């Protein structure tokens, strides 16, 4: 079972000549679609990726150089063609994850998807649920909260959340000797260009911020109405923990949807849906109520995630649990980050550079995997911790003809802790015996591994 994601990144207009293929690169190219026109320079690269809902696996399946004014019909043909080809290979595409660009909303309307019917069919009667990307939703909620008051209903009680309450908290936290929210910085409020990241949105709409607001209200350092903002943030944080679930060992409230807790999980979906449905966004300047696409995105995401969970856990009975974090676009965002950083940072690469980076990342030994060490503290997304099929096992061409290792029995003695002893045989690659330099490298690496294992045992003891 797989989810499919589609997302684009801006590329700089420019035509390049590739000598090895005797072609010009940089024109809009929609593959076999009728709209393909080699006379229009591309200004966007769109990539299609799939990831496993049950396995730590992902893969790029296609990319297109597009112009920003691509038609809804062309986008529909691209998506339907991808779903059909994946289905013909025996892969089951259960969901399509998208962000909230106007073109994608037009596609959603064109295929008949609505809040009441959060899926479409591209192959026979096979449902494919559309899920607006949750990280984009939480970021958009933060952005709109900054310029609008949010009226809501929680447990039958009306409330009003205001951004200036957070600004008061920040000023009070900096001037007070009690730092209740030390993680809040200027970037959380100023949102400079390039800093409108998901992590900042999650931090400011977090349980610790809600607790700090209530603390200062109890100390009479903030007015009583601030508690309404705290209740709003606390509920948004609970909703985010639920739809960002990723581990069975997580604390209560952050666990995946499962068969064992199915009824309780469905009630939580309904509760959060009712909470979001009550939102009214009122502009702080003139008091005008604003209808926002991201508000519809939240409602569609909750309905679609609930329908997908019901389909997989109860109707088809394929899964025992579903980690809802699998239904986001972090893996695509991380791929775009790697493309921008490929052989030197370039936030706006040319089409040729975009294609070269994408092909190398999709075919190299590391593929699109972003290891923790490559995720900086200021990154937009967390590591998706997915592996490409190329990294699941070593290539068949590499075989170790003889390698023996044994661990000594762990004897209870007066020694400081257990030790590991290894025997290294002669390594051969495809029948070819390694040279002296290669042997030295192998011995060095093996010694380093054994030393770390010993240290881990000592720390455990």
Protein backbone atom coordinates (compact mmCIF):
# COMPACT_ATOMS: atom_id res chain seq x y z
CA UNK A 1 0.00 0.00 0.00
CA UNK A 2 1.31 3.37 -1.01
CA UNK A 3 0.48 7.06 -0.81
CA UNK A 4 1.33 9.30 -3.74
CA UNK A 5 2.52 12.89 -3.36
CA UNK A 6 2.80 15.68 -5.89
CA UNK A 7 4.61 18.94 -5.27
CA UNK A 8 6.57 21.53 -7.20
CA UNK A 9 9.46 23.91 -6.64
CA UNK A 10 10.39 27.04 -8.55
CA UNK A 11 13.19 26.85 -11.11
CA UNK A 12 14.92 29.70 -12.89
CA UNK A 13 13.96 30.18 -16.51
CA UNK A 14 16.80 29.33 -18.84
CA UNK A 15 17.58 27.09 -21.79
CA UNK A 16 20.69 24.87 -21.72
CA UNK A 17 22.26 22.70 -24.38
CA UNK A 18 23.21 19.16 -23.36
CA UNK A 19 26.00 17.97 -25.58
CA UNK A 20 25.80 14.26 -24.74
CA UNK A 21 22.14 14.05 -25.85
CA UNK A 22 22.17 16.91 -28.36
CA UNK A 23 19.04 18.41 -26.80
CA UNK A 24 17.86 21.69 -25.31
CA UNK A 25 16.72 21.54 -21.69
CA UNK A 26 14.56 24.11 -19.95
CA UNK A 27 11.33 24.10 -21.97
CA UNK A 28 8.01 23.06 -20.42
CA UNK A 29 7.53 19.32 -20.93
CA UNK A 30 4.42 17.45 -19.82
CA UNK A 31 5.48 14.11 -21.22
CA UNK A 32 2.85 12.64 -23.53
CA UNK A 33 0.21 15.21 -22.60
CA UNK A 34 -1.30 17.28 -25.41
CA UNK A 35 -0.37 20.53 -23.68
CA UNK A 36 3.36 19.90 -24.13
CA UNK A 37 4.90 22.88 -25.88
CA UNK A 38 8.65 22.98 -26.35
CA UNK A 39 8.56 26.73 -27.09
CA UNK A 40 7.64 27.84 -23.54
CA UNK A 41 10.41 28.09 -20.88
CA UNK A 42 9.62 26.18 -17.67
CA UNK A 43 9.49 27.99 -14.34
CA UNK A 44 8.61 25.05 -12.10
CA UNK A 45 9.71 21.49 -11.51
CA UNK A 46 6.96 19.09 -10.38
CA UNK A 47 7.88 15.73 -8.88
CA UNK A 48 5.75 12.65 -8.18
CA UNK A 49 6.76 10.37 -5.30
CA UNK A 50 5.31 7.34 -3.60
CA UNK A 51 5.92 6.12 -0.07
CA UNK A 52 4.85 3.04 1.84
CA UNK A 53 2.08 3.28 4.41
CA UNK A 54 3.42 0.24 6.25
CA UNK A 55 7.09 0.15 5.23
CA UNK A 56 9.89 2.70 5.52
CA UNK A 57 10.17 3.07 1.78
CA UNK A 58 9.81 5.80 -0.86
CA UNK A 59 10.73 6.42 -4.47
CA UNK A 60 10.57 9.14 -7.11
CA UNK A 61 8.37 7.91 -9.98
CA UNK A 62 8.43 10.92 -12.29
CA UNK A 63 9.01 14.62 -12.78
CA UNK A 64 7.80 17.32 -15.15
CA UNK A 65 9.08 20.73 -16.14
CA UNK A 66 6.00 22.93 -16.16
CA UNK A 67 4.79 26.45 -16.58
CA UNK A 68 2.81 28.00 -13.72
CA UNK A 69 -0.33 28.17 -15.89
CA UNK A 70 -0.64 24.41 -16.42
CA UNK A 71 -4.26 23.42 -17.04
CA UNK A 72 -6.37 21.34 -14.67
CA UNK A 73 -6.93 18.79 -17.43
CA UNK A 74 -3.19 18.23 -17.86
CA UNK A 75 -2.68 17.85 -14.10
CA UNK A 76 -5.54 15.36 -13.96
CA UNK A 77 -4.08 13.31 -16.80
CA UNK A 78 -0.65 13.24 -15.12
CA UNK A 79 -2.07 12.04 -11.80
CA UNK A 80 -4.46 9.50 -13.29
CA UNK A 81 -1.74 8.09 -15.54
CA UNK A 82 0.59 7.66 -12.56
CA UNK A 83 -2.09 5.90 -10.48
CA UNK A 84 -2.97 3.55 -13.36
CA UNK A 85 0.66 2.62 -14.02
CA UNK A 86 1.33 1.98 -10.34
CA UNK A 87 -1.79 -0.17 -10.12
CA UNK A 88 -0.67 -2.18 -13.16
CA UNK A 89 2.56 -2.95 -11.26
CA UNK A 90 0.58 -4.37 -8.35
CA UNK A 91 0.90 -1.32 -6.10
CA UNK A 92 -2.19 -0.08 -4.28
CA UNK A 93 -2.38 3.75 -4.19
CA UNK A 94 -4.57 4.55 -1.19
CA UNK A 95 -4.04 8.32 -0.92
CA UNK A 96 -2.91 11.37 -2.85
CA UNK A 97 -1.25 14.06 -0.71
CA UNK A 98 -1.22 17.61 -2.08
CA UNK A 99 -0.66 21.13 -0.82
CA UNK A 100 -3.18 23.93 -1.30
CA UNK A 101 -2.29 25.73 -4.51
CA UNK A 102 -5.25 27.08 -6.50
CA UNK A 103 -4.61 24.64 -9.35
CA UNK A 104 -4.82 21.69 -6.99
CA UNK A 105 -8.10 22.95 -5.55
CA UNK A 106 -9.42 23.10 -9.11
CA UNK A 107 -8.28 19.51 -9.62
CA UNK A 108 -10.04 18.45 -6.41
CA UNK A 109 -13.26 20.03 -7.64
CA UNK A 110 -12.85 18.60 -11.14
CA UNK A 111 -12.60 14.98 -9.92
CA UNK A 112 -15.67 15.38 -7.72
CA UNK A 113 -13.91 15.33 -4.35
CA UNK A 114 -15.66 17.10 -1.48
CA UNK A 115 -15.72 17.01 2.31
CA UNK A 116 -18.60 14.52 2.12
CA UNK A 117 -16.77 12.42 -0.54
CA UNK A 118 -13.02 12.79 0.15
CA UNK A 119 -11.83 10.38 -2.55
CA UNK A 120 -11.81 9.83 -6.32
CA UNK A 121 -11.47 6.74 -8.50
CA UNK A 122 -8.85 6.50 -11.23
CA UNK A 123 -8.95 2.70 -11.63
CA UNK A 124 -12.31 0.90 -11.62
CA UNK A 125 -13.82 1.19 -8.11
CA UNK A 126 -10.50 1.71 -6.32
CA UNK A 127 -10.74 4.67 -3.94
CA UNK A 128 -7.87 7.14 -3.72
CA UNK A 129 -8.29 9.57 -0.83
CA UNK A 130 -7.11 13.16 -1.28
CA UNK A 131 -5.34 14.59 1.78
CA UNK A 132 -4.24 18.24 1.97
CA UNK A 133 -0.73 18.22 3.44
CA UNK A 134 -1.09 18.61 7.26
CA UNK A 135 2.24 20.50 7.75
CA UNK A 136 1.06 23.09 5.21
CA UNK A 137 -2.23 23.32 7.09
CA UNK A 138 -0.62 24.02 10.47
CA UNK A 139 1.63 26.62 8.87
CA UNK A 140 -1.30 28.33 7.16
CA UNK A 141 -3.25 28.35 10.42
CA UNK A 142 -0.36 30.14 12.13
CA UNK A 143 -0.06 32.65 9.25
CA UNK A 144 -3.78 33.49 9.34
CA UNK A 145 -3.83 33.62 13.14
CA UNK A 146 -1.21 36.36 12.96
CA UNK A 147 -3.56 38.73 11.08
CA UNK A 148 -6.99 37.51 12.17
CA UNK A 149 -8.87 36.77 15.36
CA UNK A 150 -10.24 33.22 15.47
CA UNK A 151 -13.68 32.60 16.99
CA UNK A 152 -14.37 28.99 17.95
CA UNK A 153 -16.65 26.72 19.98
CA UNK A 154 -15.13 24.18 22.38
CA UNK A 155 -17.29 21.86 24.51
CA UNK A 156 -20.27 24.08 23.74
CA UNK A 157 -18.53 27.25 24.97
CA UNK A 158 -17.64 30.08 22.59
CA UNK A 159 -14.12 31.49 22.65
CA UNK A 160 -11.90 33.99 20.90
CA UNK A 161 -8.21 33.50 20.21
CA UNK A 162 -6.04 36.55 19.56
CA UNK A 163 -2.45 36.76 18.30
CA UNK A 164 -1.61 39.79 20.44
CA UNK A 165 -2.00 37.58 23.51
CA UNK A 166 1.02 35.64 22.29
CA UNK A 167 2.94 38.88 21.76
CA UNK A 168 2.10 39.91 25.34
CA UNK A 169 3.32 36.52 26.55
CA UNK A 170 6.60 36.92 24.69
CA UNK A 171 7.27 40.40 26.07
CA UNK A 172 6.34 39.29 29.59
CA UNK A 173 8.49 36.17 29.29
CA UNK A 174 11.53 38.22 28.29
CA UNK A 175 11.14 40.78 31.08
CA UNK A 176 10.14 38.35 33.83
CA UNK A 177 12.66 36.35 35.82
CA UNK A 178 10.49 33.26 35.19
CA UNK A 179 11.02 32.08 31.62
CA UNK A 180 7.99 29.89 30.99
CA UNK A 181 8.59 29.55 27.23
CA UNK A 182 12.34 29.88 26.60
CA UNK A 183 12.05 28.38 23.10
CA UNK A 184 10.13 31.37 21.72
CA UNK A 185 12.30 33.74 19.69
CA UNK A 186 11.82 36.79 17.47
CA UNK A 187 11.47 34.56 14.41
CA UNK A 188 8.23 33.12 15.81
CA UNK A 189 6.61 36.55 15.52
CA UNK A 190 8.46 38.43 12.77
CA UNK A 191 8.37 35.52 10.29
CA UNK A 192 11.15 36.85 8.04
CA UNK A 193 11.43 35.62 4.46
CA UNK A 194 12.55 32.00 4.42
CA UNK A 195 11.64 31.53 8.10
CA UNK A 196 7.91 30.73 7.72
CA UNK A 197 8.67 27.15 8.59
CA UNK A 198 6.46 24.41 9.93
CA UNK A 199 8.64 23.94 13.00
CA UNK A 200 8.03 27.55 14.06
CA UNK A 201 4.28 27.08 13.66
CA UNK A 202 4.33 23.90 15.77
CA UNK A 203 6.36 25.58 18.50
CA UNK A 204 4.11 28.61 18.86
CA UNK A 205 0.92 26.49 18.72
CA UNK A 206 2.25 24.08 21.33
CA UNK A 207 1.07 22.83 24.70
CA UNK A 208 3.93 24.60 26.49
CA UNK A 209 2.76 27.98 25.14
CA UNK A 210 -0.82 27.24 26.26
CA UNK A 211 0.45 26.29 29.73
CA UNK A 212 2.53 29.48 29.93
CA UNK A 213 -0.51 31.62 29.05
CA UNK A 214 -2.58 29.96 31.78
CA UNK A 215 0.28 30.35 34.26
CA UNK A 216 0.54 34.09 33.72
CA UNK A 217 -3.26 34.43 33.93
CA UNK A 218 -3.21 32.65 37.30
CA UNK A 219 -0.49 35.07 38.46
CA UNK A 220 -2.67 38.01 37.29
CA UNK A 221 0.07 39.09 34.90
CA UNK A 222 -2.23 38.63 31.89
CA UNK A 223 -5.99 39.38 31.64
CA UNK A 224 -8.55 36.54 32.11
CA UNK A 225 -9.60 36.52 28.42
CA UNK A 226 -6.14 35.19 27.55
CA UNK A 227 -7.33 31.79 28.79
CA UNK A 228 -9.54 31.53 25.68
CA UNK A 229 -6.44 31.82 23.51
CA UNK A 230 -4.70 29.21 25.68
CA UNK A 231 -7.62 26.78 25.30
CA UNK A 232 -7.56 27.26 21.52
CA UNK A 233 -3.80 26.60 21.27
CA UNK A 234 -4.06 23.59 23.58
CA UNK A 235 -6.73 22.01 21.38
CA UNK A 236 -4.83 22.76 18.16
CA UNK A 237 -1.76 21.10 19.69
CA UNK A 238 -3.79 17.99 20.60
CA UNK A 239 -5.19 17.82 17.07
CA UNK A 240 -1.71 18.14 15.58
CA UNK A 241 -0.31 15.41 17.85
CA UNK A 242 -3.09 13.12 16.63
CA UNK A 243 -2.69 13.67 12.87
CA UNK A 244 1.11 13.62 13.18
CA UNK A 245 1.21 10.25 14.99
CA UNK A 246 4.18 8.12 14.01
CA UNK A 247 4.99 5.56 16.72
CA UNK A 248 3.14 2.86 18.66
CA UNK A 249 5.34 3.62 21.65
CA UNK A 250 4.32 7.29 21.71
CA UNK A 251 2.50 8.72 24.77
CA UNK A 252 -1.28 8.68 24.96
CA UNK A 253 -2.75 11.20 22.55
CA UNK A 254 0.08 10.75 20.06
CA UNK A 255 -0.45 7.09 19.17
CA UNK A 256 -1.46 5.94 15.66
CA UNK A 257 -5.01 5.00 14.76
CA UNK A 258 -5.42 1.30 15.54
CA UNK A 259 -7.96 -1.48 15.52
CA UNK A 260 -7.77 -1.78 19.30
CA UNK A 261 -8.68 1.88 19.86
CA UNK A 262 -10.76 2.31 16.69
CA UNK A 263 -13.96 3.60 18.30
CA UNK A 264 -12.06 6.10 20.43
CA UNK A 265 -10.04 7.27 17.42
CA UNK A 266 -13.18 7.82 15.34
CA UNK A 267 -14.64 9.92 18.16
CA UNK A 268 -11.48 12.01 18.18
CA UNK A 269 -11.79 12.60 14.42
CA UNK A 270 -15.39 13.76 14.92
CA UNK A 271 -14.45 15.96 17.87
CA UNK A 272 -11.63 17.72 16.03
CA UNK A 273 -13.82 18.09 12.94
CA UNK A 274 -16.52 19.83 15.00
CA UNK A 275 -13.88 22.05 16.60
CA UNK A 276 -12.41 23.14 13.25
CA UNK A 277 -15.89 23.57 11.72
CA UNK A 278 -16.65 26.22 14.33
CA UNK A 279 -13.73 28.45 13.26
CA UNK A 280 -14.53 31.97 12.10
CA UNK A 281 -11.62 34.10 10.90
CA UNK A 282 -12.20 37.82 11.49
CA UNK A 283 -9.68 40.35 10.21
CA UNK A 284 -8.27 42.40 13.08
CA UNK A 285 -8.28 45.66 11.14
CA UNK A 286 -11.88 46.00 9.95
CA UNK A 287 -13.64 43.10 11.68
CA UNK A 288 -14.57 41.44 8.39
CA UNK A 289 -15.06 37.65 8.36
CA UNK A 290 -12.83 35.92 5.82
CA UNK A 291 -13.43 32.56 4.11
CA UNK A 292 -10.13 30.72 3.75
CA UNK A 293 -9.20 27.75 1.50
CA UNK A 294 -7.00 26.39 4.28
CA UNK A 295 -10.07 26.14 6.52
CA UNK A 296 -11.67 23.83 3.95
CA UNK A 297 -8.32 22.04 3.76
CA UNK A 298 -8.45 21.19 7.46
CA UNK A 299 -11.99 19.82 7.14
CA UNK A 300 -11.11 17.78 4.05
CA UNK A 301 -7.93 16.41 5.69
CA UNK A 302 -9.78 15.25 8.82
CA UNK A 303 -12.58 13.64 6.81
CA UNK A 304 -10.15 11.98 4.41
CA UNK A 305 -7.87 10.64 7.16
CA UNK A 306 -10.90 9.23 8.97
CA UNK A 307 -12.22 7.60 5.78
CA UNK A 308 -8.77 6.17 4.95
CA UNK A 309 -8.40 4.75 8.46
CA UNK A 310 -11.85 3.16 8.28
CA UNK A 311 -11.10 1.69 4.85
CA UNK A 312 -7.78 0.11 5.84
CA UNK A 313 -8.55 -0.94 9.41
CA UNK A 314 -12.22 -1.95 9.29
CA UNK A 315 -13.49 -2.42 5.73
CA UNK A 316 -10.51 -4.13 4.12
CA UNK A 317 -8.93 -5.17 7.44
CA UNK A 318 -5.48 -4.82 5.92
CA UNK A 319 -3.76 -3.01 8.80
CA UNK A 320 -3.80 -3.18 12.57
CA UNK A 321 -2.70 0.46 12.88
CA UNK A 322 -1.98 3.48 10.71
CA UNK A 323 0.61 6.16 11.47
CA UNK A 324 -1.00 9.33 10.15
CA UNK A 325 2.37 11.04 9.65
CA UNK A 326 2.72 8.76 6.61
CA UNK A 327 0.07 10.94 4.98
CA UNK A 328 2.11 14.11 4.55
CA UNK A 329 4.61 15.57 2.08
CA UNK A 330 7.71 15.76 4.25
CA UNK A 331 9.56 13.29 2.04
CA UNK A 332 8.96 15.50 -1.02
CA UNK A 333 9.92 18.68 0.85
CA UNK A 334 13.12 16.99 2.01
CA UNK A 335 13.88 15.96 -1.56
CA UNK A 336 13.50 19.57 -2.69
CA UNK A 337 15.83 20.62 0.11
CA UNK A 338 18.44 18.16 -1.13
CA UNK A 339 18.03 19.40 -4.70
CA UNK A 340 18.68 22.97 -3.57
CA UNK A 341 21.76 21.86 -1.64
CA UNK A 342 23.15 19.55 -4.31
CA UNK A 343 26.78 20.50 -5.00
CA UNK A 344 26.36 23.87 -3.30
CA UNK A 345 23.27 25.71 -2.16
CA UNK A 346 21.07 27.20 -4.86
CA UNK A 347 17.59 28.27 -3.77
CA UNK A 348 16.48 28.90 -7.36
CA UNK A 349 18.28 26.43 -9.67
CA UNK A 350 17.99 26.36 -13.42
CA UNK A 351 15.99 23.57 -15.05
CA UNK A 352 19.15 21.71 -16.07
CA UNK A 353 20.52 21.77 -12.51
CA UNK A 354 17.15 20.67 -11.16
CA UNK A 355 17.02 17.66 -13.48
CA UNK A 356 20.63 16.63 -12.84
CA UNK A 357 20.22 16.84 -9.07
CA UNK A 358 16.92 14.97 -9.10
CA UNK A 359 18.25 12.15 -11.26
CA UNK A 360 21.39 11.72 -9.20
CA UNK A 361 19.50 11.75 -5.90
CA UNK A 362 16.87 9.31 -7.19
CA UNK A 363 19.44 6.82 -8.51
CA UNK A 364 22.41 7.12 -6.16
CA UNK A 365 23.02 4.77 -3.27
CA UNK A 366 21.50 7.25 -0.82
CA UNK A 367 18.59 8.16 -3.18
CA UNK A 368 16.18 10.62 -1.65
CA UNK A 369 16.88 9.63 1.93
CA UNK A 370 17.69 12.53 4.22
CA UNK A 371 19.61 11.20 7.19
CA UNK A 372 19.33 12.97 10.52
CA UNK A 373 22.81 14.41 10.13
CA UNK A 374 21.76 16.27 6.98
CA UNK A 375 18.74 17.90 8.66
CA UNK A 376 19.84 21.21 10.11
CA UNK A 377 18.29 22.76 13.20
CA UNK A 378 16.55 25.35 11.03
CA UNK A 379 15.13 22.92 8.50
CA UNK A 380 11.52 23.20 7.40
CA UNK A 381 10.68 19.52 7.94
CA UNK A 382 11.78 16.67 10.14
CA UNK A 383 13.62 13.75 8.61
CA UNK A 384 11.01 11.46 7.09
CA UNK A 385 13.22 8.48 8.01
CA UNK A 386 12.25 6.62 4.85
CA UNK A 387 14.56 4.51 2.77
CA UNK A 388 14.68 3.99 -0.96
CA UNK A 389 14.50 0.46 -2.36
CA UNK A 390 18.13 0.95 -3.36
CA UNK A 391 19.17 1.25 0.29
CA UNK A 392 17.14 -1.62 1.72
CA UNK A 393 19.81 -4.19 0.91
CA UNK A 394 23.29 -4.10 -0.65
CA UNK A 395 23.55 -4.66 -4.42
CA UNK A 396 23.60 -8.30 -5.48
CA UNK A 397 26.89 -7.72 -7.30
CA UNK A 398 28.68 -7.26 -3.97
CA UNK A 399 29.22 -10.52 -2.14
CA UNK A 400 31.48 -11.30 0.75
CA UNK A 401 33.09 -14.68 0.09
CA UNK A 402 34.19 -15.26 3.66
CA UNK A 403 33.42 -13.26 6.70
CA UNK A 404 33.07 -14.86 10.08
CA UNK A 405 32.33 -13.16 13.33
CA UNK A 406 31.62 -14.51 16.72
CA UNK A 407 30.70 -12.87 19.97
CA UNK A 408 32.33 -14.23 23.08
CA UNK A 409 30.11 -15.56 25.80
CA UNK A 410 29.19 -12.85 28.26
CA UNK A 411 30.62 -14.20 31.45
CA UNK A 412 29.85 -12.82 34.83
CA UNK A 413 33.21 -11.86 36.19
CA UNK A 414 34.96 -9.08 38.04
CA UNK A 415 35.55 -7.22 34.78
CA UNK A 416 34.00 -3.78 34.29
CA UNK A 417 31.59 -5.11 31.66
CA UNK A 418 31.14 -7.45 28.73
CA UNK A 419 33.52 -7.29 25.82
CA UNK A 420 33.18 -8.28 22.19
CA UNK A 421 35.75 -10.21 20.23
CA UNK A 422 35.62 -10.56 16.47
CA UNK A 423 37.46 -12.71 13.98
CA UNK A 424 37.93 -11.11 10.58
CA UNK A 425 38.44 -13.50 7.72
CA UNK A 426 39.88 -12.58 4.36
CA UNK A 427 37.44 -10.40 2.45
CA UNK A 428 36.94 -10.98 -1.24
CA UNK A 429 34.88 -8.98 -3.72
CA UNK A 430 33.51 -11.05 -6.64
CA UNK A 431 36.28 -13.57 -6.17
CA UNK A 432 38.99 -10.90 -6.12
CA UNK A 433 41.05 -10.79 -2.96
CA UNK A 434 41.33 -7.34 -1.39
CA UNK A 435 44.66 -5.60 -1.39
CA UNK A 436 46.62 -4.44 1.63
CA UNK A 437 45.08 -0.94 1.58
CA UNK A 438 41.54 -2.33 1.44
CA UNK A 439 42.32 -4.73 4.30
CA UNK A 440 43.60 -1.84 6.42
CA UNK A 441 40.39 0.09 5.74
CA UNK A 442 38.21 -2.90 6.66
CA UNK A 443 40.16 -3.51 9.87
CA UNK A 444 39.92 0.17 10.80
CA UNK A 445 36.15 0.24 10.30
CA UNK A 446 35.65 -3.07 12.12
CA UNK A 447 37.70 -1.86 15.06
CA UNK A 448 35.66 1.32 15.25
CA UNK A 449 32.40 -0.65 15.25
CA UNK A 450 33.58 -3.02 17.97
CA UNK A 451 34.78 -0.10 20.10
CA UNK A 452 31.37 1.58 19.86
CA UNK A 453 29.61 -1.68 20.72
CA UNK A 454 31.79 -2.11 23.79
CA UNK A 455 31.09 1.48 24.85
CA UNK A 456 27.33 0.94 24.45
CA UNK A 457 27.50 -2.21 26.61
CA UNK A 458 29.45 -0.35 29.26
CA UNK A 459 26.95 2.50 29.29
CA UNK A 460 24.09 0.02 29.53
CA UNK A 461 25.76 -1.71 32.45
